[in-house]
């Protein structure tokens, strides 16, 4: 893939690790920053990316939904104790 074809926010397959990743921004003329489900940024060479297919996008979205379900719901936690100072 070439840098001019990369679109921020789109999903691509990183051929080096065979994983669907979201491009967050361009880092330089040959690399971009990617994330998987909004976690840590990773620097990836643009040549390692190919556009994700519809089925790969669906799989990524399904995994993302599972991750959201596993997150702690703050509203379900008990209130913090009050401390007098």
PDB file of N, CA and C in Angstrom:
ATOM      1  N   UNK A   1       0.849  -1.168   0.000  1.00  0.00           N
ATOM      2  CA  UNK A   1       0.000   0.000   0.000  1.00  0.00           C
ATOM      3  C   UNK A   1       0.896   1.233   0.000  1.00  0.00           C
ATOM      4  N   UNK A   2       0.387   2.321  -0.552  1.00  0.00           N
ATOM      5  CA  UNK A   2       1.132   3.573  -0.583  1.00  0.00           C
ATOM      6  C   UNK A   2       0.507   4.558   0.392  1.00  0.00           C
ATOM      7  N   UNK A   3       1.320   5.467   0.918  1.00  0.00           N
ATOM      8  CA  UNK A   3       0.859   6.427   1.914  1.00  0.00           C
ATOM      9  C   UNK A   3      -0.334   7.237   1.413  1.00  0.00           C
ATOM     10  N   UNK A   4      -0.342   7.606   0.147  1.00  0.00           N
ATOM     11  CA  UNK A   4      -1.434   8.434  -0.380  1.00  0.00           C
ATOM     12  C   UNK A   4      -2.781   7.701  -0.344  1.00  0.00           C
ATOM     13  N   UNK A   5      -2.760   6.372  -0.244  1.00  0.00           N
ATOM     14  CA  UNK A   5      -3.987   5.582  -0.216  1.00  0.00           C
ATOM     15  C   UNK A   5      -4.511   5.319   1.194  1.00  0.00           C
ATOM     16  N   UNK A   6      -3.717   5.651   2.208  1.00  0.00           N
ATOM     17  CA  UNK A   6      -4.104   5.375   3.596  1.00  0.00           C
ATOM     18  C   UNK A   6      -5.074   6.445   4.098  1.00  0.00           C
ATOM     19  N   UNK A   7      -6.150   6.003   4.738  1.00  0.00           N
ATOM     20  CA  UNK A   7      -7.155   6.908   5.284  1.00  0.00           C
ATOM     21  C   UNK A   7      -7.224   6.712   6.797  1.00  0.00           C
ATOM     22  N   UNK A   8      -7.035   7.799   7.548  1.00  0.00           N
ATOM     23  CA  UNK A   8      -7.116   7.729   9.003  1.00  0.00           C
ATOM     24  C   UNK A   8      -8.490   7.202   9.432  1.00  0.00           C
ATOM     25  N   UNK A   9      -8.500   6.321  10.407  1.00  0.00           N
ATOM     26  CA  UNK A   9      -9.741   5.751  10.921  1.00  0.00           C
ATOM     27  C   UNK A   9     -10.165   4.472  10.227  1.00  0.00           C
ATOM     28  N   UNK A  10      -9.561   4.164   9.090  1.00  0.00           N
ATOM     29  CA  UNK A  10      -9.926   2.957   8.351  1.00  0.00           C
ATOM     30  C   UNK A  10      -9.209   1.736   8.909  1.00  0.00           C
ATOM     31  N   UNK A  11      -9.771   0.561   8.609  1.00  0.00           N
ATOM     32  CA  UNK A  11      -9.207  -0.695   9.092  1.00  0.00           C
ATOM     33  C   UNK A  11      -8.367  -1.351   8.006  1.00  0.00           C
ATOM     34  N   UNK A  12      -7.181  -1.805   8.404  1.00  0.00           N
ATOM     35  CA  UNK A  12      -6.241  -2.455   7.499  1.00  0.00           C
ATOM     36  C   UNK A  12      -5.725  -3.717   8.162  1.00  0.00           C
ATOM     37  N   UNK A  13      -5.277  -4.665   7.361  1.00  0.00           N
ATOM     38  CA  UNK A  13      -4.635  -5.865   7.887  1.00  0.00           C
ATOM     39  C   UNK A  13      -3.138  -5.614   7.871  1.00  0.00           C
ATOM     40  N   UNK A  14      -2.514  -5.788   9.025  1.00  0.00           N
ATOM     41  CA  UNK A  14      -1.057  -5.708   9.134  1.00  0.00           C
ATOM     42  C   UNK A  14      -0.540  -7.097   8.759  1.00  0.00           C
ATOM     43  N   UNK A  15       0.086  -7.207   7.580  1.00  0.00           N
ATOM     44  CA  UNK A  15       0.546  -8.504   7.072  1.00  0.00           C
ATOM     45  C   UNK A  15       1.649  -9.105   7.937  1.00  0.00           C
ATOM     46  N   UNK A  16       2.406  -8.277   8.654  1.00  0.00           N
ATOM     47  CA  UNK A  16       3.500  -8.800   9.482  1.00  0.00           C
ATOM     48  C   UNK A  16       2.983  -9.631  10.646  1.00  0.00           C
ATOM     49  N   UNK A  17       1.841  -9.239  11.202  1.00  0.00           N
ATOM     50  CA  UNK A  17       1.295  -9.961  12.362  1.00  0.00           C
ATOM     51  C   UNK A  17      -0.078 -10.571  12.069  1.00  0.00           C
ATOM     52  N   UNK A  18      -0.555 -10.420  10.806  1.00  0.00           N
ATOM     53  CA  UNK A  18      -1.847 -10.960  10.391  1.00  0.00           C
ATOM     54  C   UNK A  18      -2.961 -10.532  11.348  1.00  0.00           C
ATOM     55  N   UNK A  19      -3.104  -9.216  11.514  1.00  0.00           N
ATOM     56  CA  UNK A  19      -4.057  -8.662  12.468  1.00  0.00           C
ATOM     57  C   UNK A  19      -4.715  -7.415  11.878  1.00  0.00           C
ATOM     58  N   UNK A  20      -6.006  -7.260  12.136  1.00  0.00           N
ATOM     59  CA  UNK A  20      -6.716  -6.068  11.688  1.00  0.00           C
ATOM     60  C   UNK A  20      -6.412  -4.930  12.663  1.00  0.00           C
ATOM     61  N   UNK A  21      -6.031  -3.780  12.105  1.00  0.00           N
ATOM     62  CA  UNK A  21      -5.663  -2.624  12.913  1.00  0.00           C
ATOM     63  C   UNK A  21      -6.284  -1.362  12.328  1.00  0.00           C
ATOM     64  N   UNK A  22      -6.573  -0.392  13.200  1.00  0.00           N
ATOM     65  CA  UNK A  22      -7.132   0.880  12.756  1.00  0.00           C
ATOM     66  C   UNK A  22      -6.014   1.907  12.647  1.00  0.00           C
ATOM     67  N   UNK A  23      -5.923   2.580  11.500  1.00  0.00           N
ATOM     68  CA  UNK A  23      -4.925   3.631  11.316  1.00  0.00           C
ATOM     69  C   UNK A  23      -5.410   4.879  12.042  1.00  0.00           C
ATOM     70  N   UNK A  24      -4.563   5.409  12.908  1.00  0.00           N
ATOM     71  CA  UNK A  24      -4.903   6.606  13.682  1.00  0.00           C
ATOM     72  C   UNK A  24      -4.352   7.882  13.072  1.00  0.00           C
ATOM     73  N   UNK A  25      -3.102   7.840  12.602  1.00  0.00           N
ATOM     74  CA  UNK A  25      -2.522   9.029  11.965  1.00  0.00           C
ATOM     75  C   UNK A  25      -1.237   8.652  11.253  1.00  0.00           C
ATOM     76  N   UNK A  26      -0.805   9.544  10.383  1.00  0.00           N
ATOM     77  CA  UNK A  26       0.452   9.347   9.679  1.00  0.00           C
ATOM     78  C   UNK A  26       1.586   9.779  10.589  1.00  0.00           C
ATOM     79  N   UNK A  27       2.641   8.978  10.650  1.00  0.00           N
ATOM     80  CA  UNK A  27       3.788   9.286  11.505  1.00  0.00           C
ATOM     81  C   UNK A  27       4.869  10.009  10.717  1.00  0.00           C
ATOM     82  N   UNK A  28       5.110   9.549   9.491  1.00  0.00           N
ATOM     83  CA  UNK A  28       6.093  10.163   8.596  1.00  0.00           C
ATOM     84  C   UNK A  28       5.749   9.726   7.175  1.00  0.00           C
ATOM     85  N   UNK A  29       6.682   9.825   6.255  1.00  0.00           N
ATOM     86  CA  UNK A  29       6.370   9.511   4.856  1.00  0.00           C
ATOM     87  C   UNK A  29       6.221   8.017   4.579  1.00  0.00           C
ATOM     88  N   UNK A  30       6.623   7.156   5.526  1.00  0.00           N
ATOM     89  CA  UNK A  30       6.571   5.708   5.292  1.00  0.00           C
ATOM     90  C   UNK A  30       5.829   4.919   6.358  1.00  0.00           C
ATOM     91  N   UNK A  31       5.423   5.581   7.444  1.00  0.00           N
ATOM     92  CA  UNK A  31       4.827   4.859   8.570  1.00  0.00           C
ATOM     93  C   UNK A  31       3.565   5.549   9.076  1.00  0.00           C
ATOM     94  N   UNK A  32       2.728   4.740   9.722  1.00  0.00           N
ATOM     95  CA  UNK A  32       1.513   5.252  10.354  1.00  0.00           C
ATOM     96  C   UNK A  32       1.418   4.700  11.774  1.00  0.00           C
ATOM     97  N   UNK A  33       0.600   5.361  12.592  1.00  0.00           N
ATOM     98  CA  UNK A  33       0.294   4.855  13.924  1.00  0.00           C
ATOM     99  C   UNK A  33      -1.015   4.070  13.822  1.00  0.00           C
ATOM    100  N   UNK A  34      -1.039   2.869  14.396  1.00  0.00           N
ATOM    101  CA  UNK A  34      -2.245   2.048  14.400  1.00  0.00           C
ATOM    102  C   UNK A  34      -2.584   1.637  15.827  1.00  0.00           C
ATOM    103  N   UNK A  35      -3.829   1.223  16.017  1.00  0.00           N
ATOM    104  CA  UNK A  35      -4.259   0.646  17.294  1.00  0.00           C
ATOM    105  C   UNK A  35      -5.132  -0.567  17.003  1.00  0.00           C
ATOM    106  N   UNK A  36      -5.288  -1.395  18.010  1.00  0.00           N
ATOM    107  CA  UNK A  36      -6.228  -2.507  17.958  1.00  0.00           C
ATOM    108  C   UNK A  36      -7.221  -2.274  19.078  1.00  0.00           C
ATOM    109  N   UNK A  37      -8.465  -2.034  18.728  1.00  0.00           N
ATOM    110  CA  UNK A  37      -9.536  -1.755  19.685  1.00  0.00           C
ATOM    111  C   UNK A  37      -9.192  -0.593  20.613  1.00  0.00           C
ATOM    112  N   UNK A  38      -8.544   0.443  20.063  1.00  0.00           N
ATOM    113  CA  UNK A  38      -8.293   1.659  20.822  1.00  0.00           C
ATOM    114  C   UNK A  38      -7.207   1.555  21.873  1.00  0.00           C
ATOM    115  N   UNK A  39      -6.439   0.478  21.862  1.00  0.00           N
ATOM    116  CA  UNK A  39      -5.388   0.330  22.860  1.00  0.00           C
ATOM    117  C   UNK A  39      -4.117   1.033  22.393  1.00  0.00           C
ATOM    118  N   UNK A  40      -2.960   0.670  22.903  1.00  0.00           N
ATOM    119  CA  UNK A  40      -1.696   1.363  22.651  1.00  0.00           C
ATOM    120  C   UNK A  40      -1.387   1.567  21.173  1.00  0.00           C
ATOM    121  N   UNK A  41      -0.820   2.751  20.878  1.00  0.00           N
ATOM    122  CA  UNK A  41      -0.390   3.047  19.510  1.00  0.00           C
ATOM    123  C   UNK A  41       0.804   2.197  19.138  1.00  0.00           C
ATOM    124  N   UNK A  42       0.859   1.831  17.851  1.00  0.00           N
ATOM    125  CA  UNK A  42       1.968   1.047  17.331  1.00  0.00           C
ATOM    126  C   UNK A  42       2.394   1.681  16.020  1.00  0.00           C
ATOM    127  N   UNK A  43       3.688   1.777  15.783  1.00  0.00           N
ATOM    128  CA  UNK A  43       4.226   2.321  14.545  1.00  0.00           C
ATOM    129  C   UNK A  43       4.338   1.199  13.517  1.00  0.00           C
ATOM    130  N   UNK A  44       3.721   1.381  12.337  1.00  0.00           N
ATOM    131  CA  UNK A  44       3.683   0.334  11.321  1.00  0.00           C
ATOM    132  C   UNK A  44       4.103   0.909   9.977  1.00  0.00           C
ATOM    133  N   UNK A  45       4.921   0.165   9.257  1.00  0.00           N
ATOM    134  CA  UNK A  45       5.330   0.537   7.903  1.00  0.00           C
ATOM    135  C   UNK A  45       4.120   0.384   6.982  1.00  0.00           C
ATOM    136  N   UNK A  46       3.855   1.395   6.168  1.00  0.00           N
ATOM    137  CA  UNK A  46       2.689   1.382   5.280  1.00  0.00           C
ATOM    138  C   UNK A  46       2.725   0.199   4.321  1.00  0.00           C
ATOM    139  N   UNK A  47       3.894  -0.236   3.933  1.00  0.00           N
ATOM    140  CA  UNK A  47       4.008  -1.366   3.012  1.00  0.00           C
ATOM    141  C   UNK A  47       3.478  -2.661   3.609  1.00  0.00           C
ATOM    142  N   UNK A  48       3.321  -2.704   4.933  1.00  0.00           N
ATOM    143  CA  UNK A  48       2.829  -3.906   5.615  1.00  0.00           C
ATOM    144  C   UNK A  48       1.312  -3.964   5.668  1.00  0.00           C
ATOM    145  N   UNK A  49       0.638  -2.929   5.181  1.00  0.00           N
ATOM    146  CA  UNK A  49      -0.810  -2.841   5.316  1.00  0.00           C
ATOM    147  C   UNK A  49      -1.538  -3.145   4.011  1.00  0.00           C
ATOM    148  N   UNK A  50      -2.670  -3.835   4.146  1.00  0.00           N
ATOM    149  CA  UNK A  50      -3.621  -4.001   3.047  1.00  0.00           C
ATOM    150  C   UNK A  50      -5.006  -3.696   3.609  1.00  0.00           C
ATOM    151  N   UNK A  51      -5.876  -3.166   2.770  1.00  0.00           N
ATOM    152  CA  UNK A  51      -7.220  -2.818   3.198  1.00  0.00           C
ATOM    153  C   UNK A  51      -7.964  -4.061   3.688  1.00  0.00           C
ATOM    154  N   UNK A  52      -8.629  -3.949   4.828  1.00  0.00           N
ATOM    155  CA  UNK A  52      -9.366  -5.087   5.392  1.00  0.00           C
ATOM    156  C   UNK A  52     -10.618  -5.367   4.562  1.00  0.00           C
ATOM    157  N   UNK A  53     -10.924  -6.649   4.410  1.00  0.00           N
ATOM    158  CA  UNK A  53     -12.136  -7.054   3.687  1.00  0.00           C
ATOM    159  C   UNK A  53     -13.362  -6.833   4.574  1.00  0.00           C
ATOM    160  N   UNK A  54     -14.542  -6.938   3.996  1.00  0.00           N
ATOM    161  CA  UNK A  54     -15.776  -6.766   4.775  1.00  0.00           C
ATOM    162  C   UNK A  54     -15.867  -7.778   5.910  1.00  0.00           C
ATOM    163  N   UNK A  55     -15.480  -9.023   5.656  1.00  0.00           N
ATOM    164  CA  UNK A  55     -15.559 -10.045   6.707  1.00  0.00           C
ATOM    165  C   UNK A  55     -14.539  -9.759   7.813  1.00  0.00           C
ATOM    166  N   UNK A  56     -13.363  -9.243   7.453  1.00  0.00           N
ATOM    167  CA  UNK A  56     -12.359  -8.887   8.465  1.00  0.00           C
ATOM    168  C   UNK A  56     -12.843  -7.709   9.302  1.00  0.00           C
ATOM    169  N   UNK A  57     -13.504  -6.749   8.661  1.00  0.00           N
ATOM    170  CA  UNK A  57     -14.064  -5.607   9.402  1.00  0.00           C
ATOM    171  C   UNK A  57     -15.134  -6.091  10.365  1.00  0.00           C
ATOM    172  N   UNK A  58     -16.004  -6.985   9.907  1.00  0.00           N
ATOM    173  CA  UNK A  58     -17.054  -7.523  10.777  1.00  0.00           C
ATOM    174  C   UNK A  58     -16.453  -8.240  11.986  1.00  0.00           C
ATOM    175  N   UNK A  59     -15.397  -9.023  11.764  1.00  0.00           N
ATOM    176  CA  UNK A  59     -14.729  -9.702  12.870  1.00  0.00           C
ATOM    177  C   UNK A  59     -14.136  -8.721  13.865  1.00  0.00           C
ATOM    178  N   UNK A  60     -13.539  -7.658  13.375  1.00  0.00           N
ATOM    179  CA  UNK A  60     -12.952  -6.625  14.234  1.00  0.00           C
ATOM    180  C   UNK A  60     -14.041  -5.958  15.082  1.00  0.00           C
ATOM    181  N   UNK A  61     -15.154  -5.627  14.436  1.00  0.00           N
ATOM    182  CA  UNK A  61     -16.258  -4.976  15.144  1.00  0.00           C
ATOM    183  C   UNK A  61     -16.827  -5.917  16.202  1.00  0.00           C
ATOM    184  N   UNK A  62     -16.984  -7.191  15.876  1.00  0.00           N
ATOM    185  CA  UNK A  62     -17.500  -8.158  16.859  1.00  0.00           C
ATOM    186  C   UNK A  62     -16.569  -8.285  18.053  1.00  0.00           C
ATOM    187  N   UNK A  63     -15.255  -8.317  17.818  1.00  0.00           N
ATOM    188  CA  UNK A  63     -14.298  -8.374  18.923  1.00  0.00           C
ATOM    189  C   UNK A  63     -14.386  -7.123  19.774  1.00  0.00           C
ATOM    190  N   UNK A  64     -14.569  -5.987  19.132  1.00  0.00           N
ATOM    191  CA  UNK A  64     -14.663  -4.718  19.842  1.00  0.00           C
ATOM    192  C   UNK A  64     -15.879  -4.709  20.764  1.00  0.00           C
ATOM    193  N   UNK A  65     -16.995  -5.252  20.268  1.00  0.00           N
ATOM    194  CA  UNK A  65     -18.212  -5.322  21.082  1.00  0.00           C
ATOM    195  C   UNK A  65     -17.994  -6.224  22.298  1.00  0.00           C
ATOM    196  N   UNK A  66     -17.263  -7.321  22.126  1.00  0.00           N
ATOM    197  CA  UNK A  66     -16.962  -8.210  23.252  1.00  0.00           C
ATOM    198  C   UNK A  66     -16.111  -7.489  24.291  1.00  0.00           C
ATOM    199  N   UNK A  67     -15.126  -6.704  23.829  1.00  0.00           N
ATOM    200  CA  UNK A  67     -14.263  -5.952  24.743  1.00  0.00           C
ATOM    201  C   UNK A  67     -15.064  -4.942  25.547  1.00  0.00           C
ATOM    202  N   UNK A  68     -16.053  -4.313  24.923  1.00  0.00           N
ATOM    203  CA  UNK A  68     -16.880  -3.340  25.632  1.00  0.00           C
ATOM    204  C   UNK A  68     -17.677  -4.025  26.736  1.00  0.00           C
ATOM    205  N   UNK A  69     -18.151  -5.225  26.467  1.00  0.00           N
ATOM    206  CA  UNK A  69     -18.926  -5.962  27.457  1.00  0.00           C
ATOM    207  C   UNK A  69     -18.092  -6.374  28.652  1.00  0.00           C
ATOM    208  N   UNK A  70     -16.796  -6.542  28.451  1.00  0.00           N
ATOM    209  CA  UNK A  70     -15.909  -6.955  29.527  1.00  0.00           C
ATOM    210  C   UNK A  70     -15.472  -5.788  30.388  1.00  0.00           C
ATOM    211  N   UNK A  71     -15.656  -4.563  29.901  1.00  0.00           N
ATOM    212  CA  UNK A  71     -15.223  -3.386  30.648  1.00  0.00           C
ATOM    213  C   UNK A  71     -16.096  -3.208  31.892  1.00  0.00           C
ATOM    214  N   UNK A  72     -15.524  -2.637  32.916  1.00  0.00           N
ATOM    215  CA  UNK A  72     -16.256  -2.389  34.160  1.00  0.00           C
ATOM    216  C   UNK A  72     -17.186  -1.204  33.960  1.00  0.00           C
ATOM    217  N   UNK A  73     -18.431  -1.383  34.344  1.00  0.00           N
ATOM    218  CA  UNK A  73     -19.397  -0.308  34.272  1.00  0.00           C
ATOM    219  C   UNK A  73     -19.294   0.504  35.557  1.00  0.00           C
ATOM    220  N   UNK A  74     -18.837   1.738  35.452  1.00  0.00           N
ATOM    221  CA  UNK A  74     -18.611   2.580  36.632  1.00  0.00           C
ATOM    222  C   UNK A  74     -19.890   2.801  37.411  1.00  0.00           C
ATOM    223  N   UNK A  75     -21.010   2.887  36.724  1.00  0.00           N
ATOM    224  CA  UNK A  75     -22.279   3.133  37.416  1.00  0.00           C
ATOM    225  C   UNK A  75     -22.684   1.950  38.300  1.00  0.00           C
ATOM    226  N   UNK A  76     -22.129   0.773  38.049  1.00  0.00           N
ATOM    227  CA  UNK A  76     -22.503  -0.388  38.851  1.00  0.00           C
ATOM    228  C   UNK A  76     -21.628  -0.523  40.105  1.00  0.00           C
ATOM    229  N   UNK A  77     -20.589   0.307  40.234  1.00  0.00           N
ATOM    230  CA  UNK A  77     -19.727   0.245  41.397  1.00  0.00           C
ATOM    231  C   UNK A  77     -20.368   0.948  42.576  1.00  0.00           C
ATOM    232  N   UNK A  78     -20.066   0.511  43.812  1.00  0.00           N
ATOM    233  CA  UNK A  78     -20.618   1.193  44.989  1.00  0.00           C
ATOM    234  C   UNK A  78     -19.976   2.574  45.131  1.00  0.00           C
ATOM    235  N   UNK A  79     -20.675   3.494  45.807  1.00  0.00           N
ATOM    236  CA  UNK A  79     -20.110   4.836  45.976  1.00  0.00           C
ATOM    237  C   UNK A  79     -18.860   4.805  46.853  1.00  0.00           C
ATOM    238  N   UNK A  80     -18.002   5.776  46.665  1.00  0.00           N
ATOM    239  CA  UNK A  80     -16.805   5.898  47.495  1.00  0.00           C
ATOM    240  C   UNK A  80     -17.183   6.334  48.889  1.00  0.00           C
ATOM    241  N   UNK A  81     -16.442   5.884  49.909  1.00  0.00           N
ATOM    242  CA  UNK A  81     -16.762   6.303  51.279  1.00  0.00           C
ATOM    243  C   UNK A  81     -16.441   7.784  51.470  1.00  0.00           C
ATOM    244  N   UNK A  82     -17.177   8.420  52.363  1.00  0.00           N
ATOM    245  CA  UNK A  82     -16.923   9.823  52.685  1.00  0.00           C
ATOM    246  C   UNK A  82     -15.982   9.878  53.868  1.00  0.00           C
ATOM    247  N   UNK A  83     -14.989  10.743  53.755  1.00  0.00           N
ATOM    248  CA  UNK A  83     -13.990  10.870  54.807  1.00  0.00           C
ATOM    249  C   UNK A  83     -14.009  12.291  55.332  1.00  0.00           C
ATOM    250  N   UNK A  84     -14.077  12.438  56.637  1.00  0.00           N
ATOM    251  CA  UNK A  84     -14.052  13.776  57.245  1.00  0.00           C
ATOM    252  C   UNK A  84     -12.617  14.210  57.428  1.00  0.00           C
ATOM    253  N   UNK A  85     -12.326  15.458  57.093  1.00  0.00           N
ATOM    254  CA  UNK A  85     -10.958  15.956  57.229  1.00  0.00           C
ATOM    255  C   UNK A  85     -10.895  17.025  58.264  1.00  0.00           C
TER     256      UNK A  85
END
